[in-house]
């Protein structure tokens, strides 16, 4: 037996050292408490004041999952040109991500009017629907790969 074992005795068992936070765990826990909001959530929070006003009204609003082919075919039956009151055609052009640009084209007077499917966020050049889908997929844990498959 070694000299240490003789001094300790046979029934002595060394106690395990307790873990006291190291330099890295302290920084991580402080940072999580103070800043746990993602960039997408911050952008959407800036727009939440407008959403509160809209929610109080009785109008239908917000985002829905719809089949664009069905929407365009149904709306094209009722779309007329504002200038000459003849039948016009509603078409779609994909811009970026989930944002589409719709345009109403009149063949008789060559009038063209456009509108986008999502507003631009005031804090930058990003479209609101793209920021919302990014935030949702990150919250679910899918990220960019989840967006590519939707």
Foldseek 3Di string as FASTA:
>chain_A
DDPVDVVQDDPDDDDDDDDDDDPVVVVVVVCCVPDVDDPLRVLVVVCVVVVVVVVPDPDDDDDDDDDVVVVQVVVQVPDADPPPRHRWHWDWDDDDQPKIKIWTADPPVGDIDIDMPFDARPVDRHTNVVSVVQVVCVVVPNHPVVSVVD
